[in-house]
């Protein structure tokens, strides 16, 4: 039992061509020796599937993602197009702020934390001494 990643290119006539993961990685890394000249200058549909394997055979699709790959004039993945798509995604789905509470709520949370610690230390004086705050 295991999990595998499969890449499929979808041609204009809707035929599917499997692309080896190692080759896909080399294309993403812009290996100068790796290219797909048949897709030079094109924008190609692709599917990235995560499959569950039993005895090295796929038995279930766990997740699938569809998108496009843009190739430059030499048949290599075009990094400028990928960056443009990433920027568009950030415009459509901006990242959420790390702190989700407004600052006025953060102040109240800090004050409640200090109050809690004060009550804890006054109710359990041994803890106060144990932590090195007492003499």
Foldseek 3Di string as FASTA:
>chain_A
DAKDKWKWWQDPVRDIDTDDPVLVVCLVVPPVVHFDQVQAQHKIKMKIWMFDDDPNHGDGTPDMDIDIFGHHRRGGGDVVVVVVVVVVVCVVPPDDDPDPDPVVVVVVVVVVVVVVVVVVCVVPVVVCVVVPNDD
